[in-house]
Amino acid sequence: MAPLPPDSPRSPRLRARPTAGAALVVLAALVATGCGTGGSASEDNALERASSSDQPADTEAQTDTDTDPDADADTPSEAEAEAGSDSAAPDRRPQSDAADWCATDALAAEVTPLDAGAGNRYAALVLTNTTDASCRTQGWPGLELAAGDGAALPTETVRDDSRAPVPLTLAPGESAWAQLRWTVVPGSADPADGGCGPEPAALRVIPPDTYDATPADWEFGAVCGPGRIEALPLAEGEGP
């Protein structure tokens, strides 16, 4: 039997909205005319499609559009998820308002006496921020004894690490201090005459992580050792 022409009235109905009942009618007609096994491949495929379902051909598209329109309403977009992730993470960017490191010319140095005992002498080395801006510092100062004429005297600065250094921020007018300790008892490294060497007139103080010194008066006599001074790291305030 020849295929139905494209303009046959049944052709659109057979392909656009086939039903199981229509398939049986067509099949019975083919058997009756002896063309059931001699039809073309396109006719067999059309019959197979016609008997497979009573649903319209566009069922799949309809199913997609019938989904819940609010299903994704609460699902954040990729950009929103990234933005939320960034806002939840801690801000590790450098702070632009962090104070600068304390330069030598920003600090004034002073040495004040503390209680003495058993041949040892103690003093508080105080560094004060003399600028109109805050600055940061941390650690041990460098020290150098000097004579009245400015000549450097033998000095050995020993870091006392019995206390850990801490970061300090000094507002204008605020101070940090370090305890100094030295001995006035002559030892084998001192002059043979039993003295401790020349008497200093000044102590040059190099703040932590700087290269230049700021001066402070020294009124505590000779330092035996020779010139050995033990220093704790800087702490907040002007002394104990």
C-alpha atoms as a PDB file:
ATOM      1  CA  MET A   1       0.000   0.000   0.000  1.00  0.00           C
ATOM      2  CA  ALA A   2       1.388   3.433  -0.887  1.00  0.00           C
ATOM      3  CA  PRO A   3       2.077   5.951   1.943  1.00  0.00           C
ATOM      4  CA  LEU A   4      -0.499   8.639   2.610  1.00  0.00           C
ATOM      5  CA  PRO A   5       0.251  11.849   0.769  1.00  0.00           C
ATOM      6  CA  PRO A   6       1.457  14.808   2.889  1.00  0.00           C
ATOM      7  CA  ASP A   7      -1.850  16.658   2.340  1.00  0.00           C
ATOM      8  CA  SER A   8      -4.028  13.769   3.490  1.00  0.00           C
ATOM      9  CA  PRO A   9      -6.540  14.902   6.134  1.00  0.00           C
ATOM     10  CA  ARG A  10      -5.530  11.993   8.390  1.00  0.00           C
ATOM     11  CA  SER A  11      -1.841  12.600   8.199  1.00  0.00           C
ATOM     12  CA  PRO A  12      -1.644  15.504  10.742  1.00  0.00           C
ATOM     13  CA  ARG A  13      -3.956  13.757  13.155  1.00  0.00           C
ATOM     14  CA  LEU A  14      -1.912  10.565  12.970  1.00  0.00           C
ATOM     15  CA  ARG A  15       1.365  12.356  13.722  1.00  0.00           C
ATOM     16  CA  ALA A  16       0.296  15.237  15.935  1.00  0.00           C
ATOM     17  CA  ARG A  17      -2.111  13.554  18.368  1.00  0.00           C
ATOM     18  CA  PRO A  18      -2.249   9.789  17.795  1.00  0.00           C
ATOM     19  CA  THR A  19      -4.294   7.574  20.059  1.00  0.00           C
ATOM     20  CA  ALA A  20      -4.215   3.878  20.772  1.00  0.00           C
ATOM     21  CA  GLY A  21      -7.687   3.491  19.262  1.00  0.00           C
ATOM     22  CA  ALA A  22      -6.669   5.142  16.026  1.00  0.00           C
ATOM     23  CA  ALA A  23      -3.661   2.843  15.818  1.00  0.00           C
ATOM     24  CA  LEU A  24      -5.894  -0.245  16.025  1.00  0.00           C
ATOM     25  CA  VAL A  25      -8.147   1.071  13.263  1.00  0.00           C
ATOM     26  CA  VAL A  26      -5.223   1.713  10.960  1.00  0.00           C
ATOM     27  CA  LEU A  27      -3.721  -1.690  11.739  1.00  0.00           C
ATOM     28  CA  ALA A  28      -7.025  -3.456  10.974  1.00  0.00           C
ATOM     29  CA  ALA A  29      -7.310  -1.626   7.643  1.00  0.00           C
ATOM     30  CA  LEU A  30      -3.804  -2.657   6.664  1.00  0.00           C
ATOM     31  CA  VAL A  31      -4.427  -6.305   7.506  1.00  0.00           C
ATOM     32  CA  ALA A  32      -7.689  -6.253   5.582  1.00  0.00           C
ATOM     33  CA  THR A  33      -5.973  -4.923   2.446  1.00  0.00           C
ATOM     34  CA  GLY A  34      -3.002  -7.317   2.726  1.00  0.00           C
ATOM     35  CA  CYS A  35      -0.446  -4.480   3.278  1.00  0.00           C
ATOM     36  CA  GLY A  36       0.316  -5.190   6.978  1.00  0.00           C
ATOM     37  CA  THR A  37       3.692  -6.719   6.219  1.00  0.00           C
ATOM     38  CA  GLY A  38       4.526  -5.016   3.002  1.00  0.00           C
ATOM     39  CA  GLY A  39       4.410  -1.340   4.113  1.00  0.00           C
ATOM     40  CA  SER A  40       7.402   1.002   4.039  1.00  0.00           C
ATOM     41  CA  ALA A  41       9.704   1.642   7.001  1.00  0.00           C
ATOM     42  CA  SER A  42       8.197   5.095   7.521  1.00  0.00           C
ATOM     43  CA  GLU A  43       4.699   3.615   7.860  1.00  0.00           C
ATOM     44  CA  ASP A  44       5.884   0.999  10.371  1.00  0.00           C
ATOM     45  CA  ASN A  45       7.605   3.684  12.424  1.00  0.00           C
ATOM     46  CA  ALA A  46       4.498   5.853  12.363  1.00  0.00           C
ATOM     47  CA  LEU A  47       2.360   2.951  13.580  1.00  0.00           C
ATOM     48  CA  GLU A  48       4.786   2.144  16.317  1.00  0.00           C
ATOM     49  CA  ARG A  49       4.747   5.749  17.515  1.00  0.00           C
ATOM     50  CA  ALA A  50       0.968   5.897  17.294  1.00  0.00           C
ATOM     51  CA  SER A  51       0.452   2.852  19.522  1.00  0.00           C
ATOM     52  CA  SER A  52       3.091   3.831  22.097  1.00  0.00           C
ATOM     53  CA  SER A  53       1.190   6.529  24.012  1.00  0.00           C
ATOM     54  CA  ASP A  54      -2.000   8.524  24.183  1.00  0.00           C
ATOM     55  CA  GLN A  55      -0.086  11.640  25.293  1.00  0.00           C
ATOM     56  CA  PRO A  56       0.524  14.572  22.947  1.00  0.00           C
ATOM     57  CA  ALA A  57       3.872  14.712  21.187  1.00  0.00           C
ATOM     58  CA  ASP A  58       4.914  17.788  23.197  1.00  0.00           C
ATOM     59  CA  THR A  59       4.494  16.057  26.599  1.00  0.00           C
ATOM     60  CA  GLU A  60       8.220  16.397  27.431  1.00  0.00           C
ATOM     61  CA  ALA A  61       8.209  20.130  26.846  1.00  0.00           C
ATOM     62  CA  GLN A  62       5.019  20.489  28.880  1.00  0.00           C
ATOM     63  CA  THR A  63       6.565  18.577  31.768  1.00  0.00           C
ATOM     64  CA  ASP A  64       9.515  20.980  31.865  1.00  0.00           C
ATOM     65  CA  THR A  65       7.247  24.025  32.031  1.00  0.00           C
ATOM     66  CA  ASP A  66       5.015  22.515  34.724  1.00  0.00           C
ATOM     67  CA  THR A  67       7.765  22.407  37.327  1.00  0.00           C
ATOM     68  CA  ASP A  68       7.389  24.539  40.443  1.00  0.00           C
ATOM     69  CA  PRO A  69       8.247  28.108  39.414  1.00  0.00           C
ATOM     70  CA  ASP A  70       9.340  28.846  42.973  1.00  0.00           C
ATOM     71  CA  ALA A  71      11.693  25.850  43.226  1.00  0.00           C
ATOM     72  CA  ASP A  72      14.802  27.970  42.653  1.00  0.00           C
ATOM     73  CA  ALA A  73      13.510  31.113  44.346  1.00  0.00           C
ATOM     74  CA  ASP A  74      15.564  30.543  47.487  1.00  0.00           C
ATOM     75  CA  THR A  75      18.636  29.158  45.735  1.00  0.00           C
ATOM     76  CA  PRO A  76      21.378  31.821  45.571  1.00  0.00           C
ATOM     77  CA  SER A  77      23.118  32.428  42.298  1.00  0.00           C
ATOM     78  CA  GLU A  78      26.795  31.639  41.897  1.00  0.00           C
ATOM     79  CA  ALA A  79      27.680  35.319  42.216  1.00  0.00           C
ATOM     80  CA  GLU A  80      25.584  35.650  45.390  1.00  0.00           C
ATOM     81  CA  ALA A  81      27.221  32.533  46.852  1.00  0.00           C
ATOM     82  CA  GLU A  82      30.670  33.961  46.183  1.00  0.00           C
ATOM     83  CA  ALA A  83      29.680  37.297  47.712  1.00  0.00           C
ATOM     84  CA  GLY A  84      28.316  35.549  50.800  1.00  0.00           C
ATOM     85  CA  SER A  85      31.474  33.479  51.116  1.00  0.00           C
ATOM     86  CA  ASP A  86      33.643  36.580  50.942  1.00  0.00           C
ATOM     87  CA  SER A  87      31.607  38.413  53.556  1.00  0.00           C
ATOM     88  CA  ALA A  88      31.719  35.443  55.938  1.00  0.00           C
ATOM     89  CA  ALA A  89      35.506  35.059  55.695  1.00  0.00           C
ATOM     90  CA  PRO A  90      37.638  37.126  58.082  1.00  0.00           C
ATOM     91  CA  ASP A  91      39.197  40.214  56.542  1.00  0.00           C
ATOM     92  CA  ARG A  92      42.920  39.528  56.272  1.00  0.00           C
ATOM     93  CA  ARG A  93      43.819  42.586  54.276  1.00  0.00           C
ATOM     94  CA  PRO A  94      46.457  44.936  55.757  1.00  0.00           C
ATOM     95  CA  GLN A  95      44.851  47.726  57.760  1.00  0.00           C
ATOM     96  CA  SER A  96      45.580  51.086  56.203  1.00  0.00           C
ATOM     97  CA  ASP A  97      45.290  52.871  59.575  1.00  0.00           C
ATOM     98  CA  ALA A  98      47.979  50.777  61.314  1.00  0.00           C
ATOM     99  CA  ALA A  99      50.546  52.906  63.147  1.00  0.00           C
ATOM    100  CA  ASP A 100      54.041  53.257  61.673  1.00  0.00           C
ATOM    101  CA  TRP A 101      57.096  51.846  63.408  1.00  0.00           C
ATOM    102  CA  CYS A 102      58.630  54.155  66.011  1.00  0.00           C
ATOM    103  CA  ALA A 103      61.615  55.932  64.469  1.00  0.00           C
ATOM    104  CA  THR A 104      64.522  57.048  66.616  1.00  0.00           C
ATOM    105  CA  ASP A 105      63.669  60.739  66.298  1.00  0.00           C
ATOM    106  CA  ALA A 106      60.109  60.027  67.486  1.00  0.00           C
ATOM    107  CA  LEU A 107      61.300  58.803  70.906  1.00  0.00           C
ATOM    108  CA  ALA A 108      62.906  60.579  73.859  1.00  0.00           C
ATOM    109  CA  ALA A 109      64.981  58.441  76.249  1.00  0.00           C
ATOM    110  CA  GLU A 110      65.361  58.742  80.025  1.00  0.00           C
ATOM    111  CA  VAL A 111      66.970  56.484  82.641  1.00  0.00           C
ATOM    112  CA  THR A 112      65.452  56.542  86.154  1.00  0.00           C
ATOM    113  CA  PRO A 113      66.820  54.623  89.142  1.00  0.00           C
ATOM    114  CA  LEU A 114      65.161  51.558  90.694  1.00  0.00           C
ATOM    115  CA  ASP A 115      65.950  49.771  93.954  1.00  0.00           C
ATOM    116  CA  ALA A 116      69.519  48.445  94.206  1.00  0.00           C
ATOM    117  CA  GLY A 117      70.821  45.381  96.014  1.00  0.00           C
ATOM    118  CA  ALA A 118      73.878  43.156  96.671  1.00  0.00           C
ATOM    119  CA  GLY A 119      76.290  44.857  94.296  1.00  0.00           C
ATOM    120  CA  ASN A 120      73.671  45.101  91.508  1.00  0.00           C
ATOM    121  CA  ARG A 121      72.103  48.266  90.214  1.00  0.00           C
ATOM    122  CA  TYR A 122      68.709  48.566  88.492  1.00  0.00           C
ATOM    123  CA  ALA A 123      67.165  51.332  86.406  1.00  0.00           C
ATOM    124  CA  ALA A 124      64.177  51.895  84.139  1.00  0.00           C
ATOM    125  CA  LEU A 125      64.942  52.961  80.599  1.00  0.00           C
ATOM    126  CA  VAL A 126      61.879  54.917  79.437  1.00  0.00           C
ATOM    127  CA  LEU A 127      61.124  55.716  75.783  1.00  0.00           C
ATOM    128  CA  THR A 128      58.385  58.309  75.218  1.00  0.00           C
ATOM    129  CA  ASN A 129      56.611  59.116  71.956  1.00  0.00           C
ATOM    130  CA  THR A 130      57.159  62.842  71.388  1.00  0.00           C
ATOM    131  CA  THR A 131      55.285  63.090  68.071  1.00  0.00           C
ATOM    132  CA  ASP A 132      51.627  63.854  67.346  1.00  0.00           C
ATOM    133  CA  ALA A 133      50.987  60.388  65.835  1.00  0.00           C
ATOM    134  CA  SER A 134      50.911  56.878  67.277  1.00  0.00           C
ATOM    135  CA  CYS A 135      53.773  54.507  66.518  1.00  0.00           C
ATOM    136  CA  ARG A 136      54.630  50.862  67.159  1.00  0.00           C
ATOM    137  CA  THR A 137      57.610  49.172  68.779  1.00  0.00           C
ATOM    138  CA  GLN A 138      58.606  45.784  70.187  1.00  0.00           C
ATOM    139  CA  GLY A 139      61.668  44.069  71.632  1.00  0.00           C
ATOM    140  CA  TRP A 140      65.000  45.025  73.163  1.00  0.00           C
ATOM    141  CA  PRO A 141      66.794  48.365  72.839  1.00  0.00           C
ATOM    142  CA  GLY A 142      70.438  48.618  71.894  1.00  0.00           C
ATOM    143  CA  LEU A 143      72.746  50.410  74.366  1.00  0.00           C
ATOM    144  CA  GLU A 144      76.091  52.233  74.247  1.00  0.00           C
ATOM    145  CA  LEU A 145      77.786  54.047  77.107  1.00  0.00           C
ATOM    146  CA  ALA A 146      79.542  57.306  76.237  1.00  0.00           C
ATOM    147  CA  ALA A 147      82.053  59.563  77.996  1.00  0.00           C
ATOM    148  CA  GLY A 148      81.535  63.279  78.590  1.00  0.00           C
ATOM    149  CA  ASP A 149      83.437  64.124  75.393  1.00  0.00           C
ATOM    150  CA  GLY A 150      81.157  61.844  73.351  1.00  0.00           C
ATOM    151  CA  ALA A 151      83.666  59.013  73.000  1.00  0.00           C
ATOM    152  CA  ALA A 152      82.142  55.541  73.092  1.00  0.00           C
ATOM    153  CA  LEU A 153      82.957  53.414  76.135  1.00  0.00           C
ATOM    154  CA  PRO A 154      83.095  49.594  76.309  1.00  0.00           C
ATOM    155  CA  THR A 155      79.499  48.345  76.421  1.00  0.00           C
ATOM    156  CA  GLU A 156      77.988  44.870  76.265  1.00  0.00           C
ATOM    157  CA  THR A 157      74.201  44.725  75.974  1.00  0.00           C
ATOM    158  CA  VAL A 158      72.782  41.385  77.103  1.00  0.00           C
ATOM    159  CA  ARG A 159      69.172  40.525  76.233  1.00  0.00           C
ATOM    160  CA  ASP A 160      67.289  39.110  79.201  1.00  0.00           C
ATOM    161  CA  ASP A 161      64.723  36.767  77.609  1.00  0.00           C
ATOM    162  CA  SER A 162      63.019  35.755  80.851  1.00  0.00           C
ATOM    163  CA  ARG A 163      60.096  37.841  79.601  1.00  0.00           C
ATOM    164  CA  ALA A 164      58.748  37.573  76.049  1.00  0.00           C
ATOM    165  CA  PRO A 165      58.635  40.740  73.926  1.00  0.00           C
ATOM    166  CA  VAL A 166      55.154  42.048  73.118  1.00  0.00           C
ATOM    167  CA  PRO A 167      53.941  44.468  70.412  1.00  0.00           C
ATOM    168  CA  LEU A 168      53.312  47.968  71.744  1.00  0.00           C
ATOM    169  CA  THR A 169      51.493  50.938  70.237  1.00  0.00           C
ATOM    170  CA  LEU A 170      52.435  54.281  71.741  1.00  0.00           C
ATOM    171  CA  ALA A 171      49.982  57.139  71.353  1.00  0.00           C
ATOM    172  CA  PRO A 172      51.420  60.677  71.486  1.00  0.00           C
ATOM    173  CA  GLY A 173      52.928  61.205  74.935  1.00  0.00           C
ATOM    174  CA  GLU A 174      52.791  57.502  75.924  1.00  0.00           C
ATOM    175  CA  SER A 175      55.854  55.518  77.027  1.00  0.00           C
ATOM    176  CA  ALA A 176      57.402  52.072  77.054  1.00  0.00           C
ATOM    177  CA  TRP A 177      60.107  50.957  79.458  1.00  0.00           C
ATOM    178  CA  ALA A 178      62.779  48.303  79.877  1.00  0.00           C
ATOM    179  CA  GLN A 179      64.485  47.241  83.091  1.00  0.00           C
ATOM    180  CA  LEU A 180      68.290  47.536  83.085  1.00  0.00           C
ATOM    181  CA  ARG A 181      70.627  45.685  85.463  1.00  0.00           C
ATOM    182  CA  TRP A 182      74.410  45.934  85.902  1.00  0.00           C
ATOM    183  CA  THR A 183      77.013  45.304  88.586  1.00  0.00           C
ATOM    184  CA  VAL A 184      79.338  47.651  90.481  1.00  0.00           C
ATOM    185  CA  VAL A 185      81.564  44.846  91.738  1.00  0.00           C
ATOM    186  CA  PRO A 186      84.841  44.635  89.760  1.00  0.00           C
ATOM    187  CA  GLY A 187      85.675  41.327  88.141  1.00  0.00           C
ATOM    188  CA  SER A 188      88.568  39.717  86.298  1.00  0.00           C
ATOM    189  CA  ALA A 189      87.686  41.581  83.109  1.00  0.00           C
ATOM    190  CA  ASP A 190      87.954  44.980  84.811  1.00  0.00           C
ATOM    191  CA  PRO A 191      91.149  47.084  85.225  1.00  0.00           C
ATOM    192  CA  ALA A 192      93.846  45.683  87.523  1.00  0.00           C
ATOM    193  CA  ASP A 193      93.645  48.704  89.825  1.00  0.00           C
ATOM    194  CA  GLY A 194      90.328  47.392  91.155  1.00  0.00           C
ATOM    195  CA  GLY A 195      88.119  49.936  89.457  1.00  0.00           C
ATOM    196  CA  CYS A 196      85.455  49.454  86.799  1.00  0.00           C
ATOM    197  CA  GLY A 197      86.841  51.821  84.193  1.00  0.00           C
ATOM    198  CA  PRO A 198      85.811  55.322  83.208  1.00  0.00           C
ATOM    199  CA  GLU A 199      82.544  56.752  84.407  1.00  0.00           C
ATOM    200  CA  PRO A 200      79.950  57.277  81.620  1.00  0.00           C
ATOM    201  CA  ALA A 201      78.136  60.588  81.161  1.00  0.00           C
ATOM    202  CA  ALA A 202      75.480  59.376  78.755  1.00  0.00           C
ATOM    203  CA  LEU A 203      73.701  56.294  77.476  1.00  0.00           C
ATOM    204  CA  ARG A 204      72.954  56.131  73.778  1.00  0.00           C
ATOM    205  CA  VAL A 205      69.747  54.177  73.163  1.00  0.00           C
ATOM    206  CA  ILE A 206      68.943  52.522  69.855  1.00  0.00           C
ATOM    207  CA  PRO A 207      65.185  51.702  69.738  1.00  0.00           C
ATOM    208  CA  PRO A 208      64.230  48.237  68.429  1.00  0.00           C
ATOM    209  CA  ASP A 209      64.688  47.750  64.672  1.00  0.00           C
ATOM    210  CA  THR A 210      66.359  51.120  64.135  1.00  0.00           C
ATOM    211  CA  TYR A 211      69.964  52.141  63.472  1.00  0.00           C
ATOM    212  CA  ASP A 212      70.322  55.573  65.061  1.00  0.00           C
ATOM    213  CA  ALA A 213      70.572  56.370  68.760  1.00  0.00           C
ATOM    214  CA  THR A 214      68.775  58.828  71.010  1.00  0.00           C
ATOM    215  CA  PRO A 215      70.745  60.018  74.069  1.00  0.00           C
ATOM    216  CA  ALA A 216      69.873  59.837  77.759  1.00  0.00           C
ATOM    217  CA  ASP A 217      71.798  61.186  80.734  1.00  0.00           C
ATOM    218  CA  TRP A 218      73.711  58.605  82.839  1.00  0.00           C
ATOM    219  CA  GLU A 219      74.206  59.438  86.526  1.00  0.00           C
ATOM    220  CA  PHE A 220      74.883  55.985  87.953  1.00  0.00           C
ATOM    221  CA  GLY A 221      78.680  55.775  87.918  1.00  0.00           C
ATOM    222  CA  ALA A 222      80.907  53.192  86.277  1.00  0.00           C
ATOM    223  CA  VAL A 223      79.553  49.915  84.954  1.00  0.00           C
ATOM    224  CA  CYS A 224      81.684  46.884  85.753  1.00  0.00           C
ATOM    225  CA  GLY A 225      81.960  43.934  83.548  1.00  0.00           C
ATOM    226  CA  PRO A 226      83.249  45.931  81.613  1.00  0.00           C
ATOM    227  CA  GLY A 227      80.133  47.839  80.571  1.00  0.00           C
ATOM    228  CA  ARG A 228      77.868  44.774  80.780  1.00  0.00           C
ATOM    229  CA  ILE A 229      74.165  45.757  81.022  1.00  0.00           C
ATOM    230  CA  GLU A 230      71.315  43.265  81.030  1.00  0.00           C
ATOM    231  CA  ALA A 231      68.022  44.521  79.535  1.00  0.00           C
ATOM    232  CA  LEU A 232      64.489  43.161  79.531  1.00  0.00           C
ATOM    233  CA  PRO A 233      62.284  43.758  76.455  1.00  0.00           C
ATOM    234  CA  LEU A 234      60.146  46.881  76.351  1.00  0.00           C
ATOM    235  CA  ALA A 235      56.873  46.835  78.275  1.00  0.00           C
ATOM    236  CA  GLU A 236      53.990  49.298  78.479  1.00  0.00           C
ATOM    237  CA  GLY A 237      54.314  52.260  80.847  1.00  0.00           C
ATOM    238  CA  GLU A 238      57.125  54.106  82.600  1.00  0.00           C
ATOM    239  CA  GLY A 239      58.265  51.494  85.087  1.00  0.00           C
ATOM    240  CA  PRO A 240      57.120  49.006  87.720  1.00  0.00           C
END
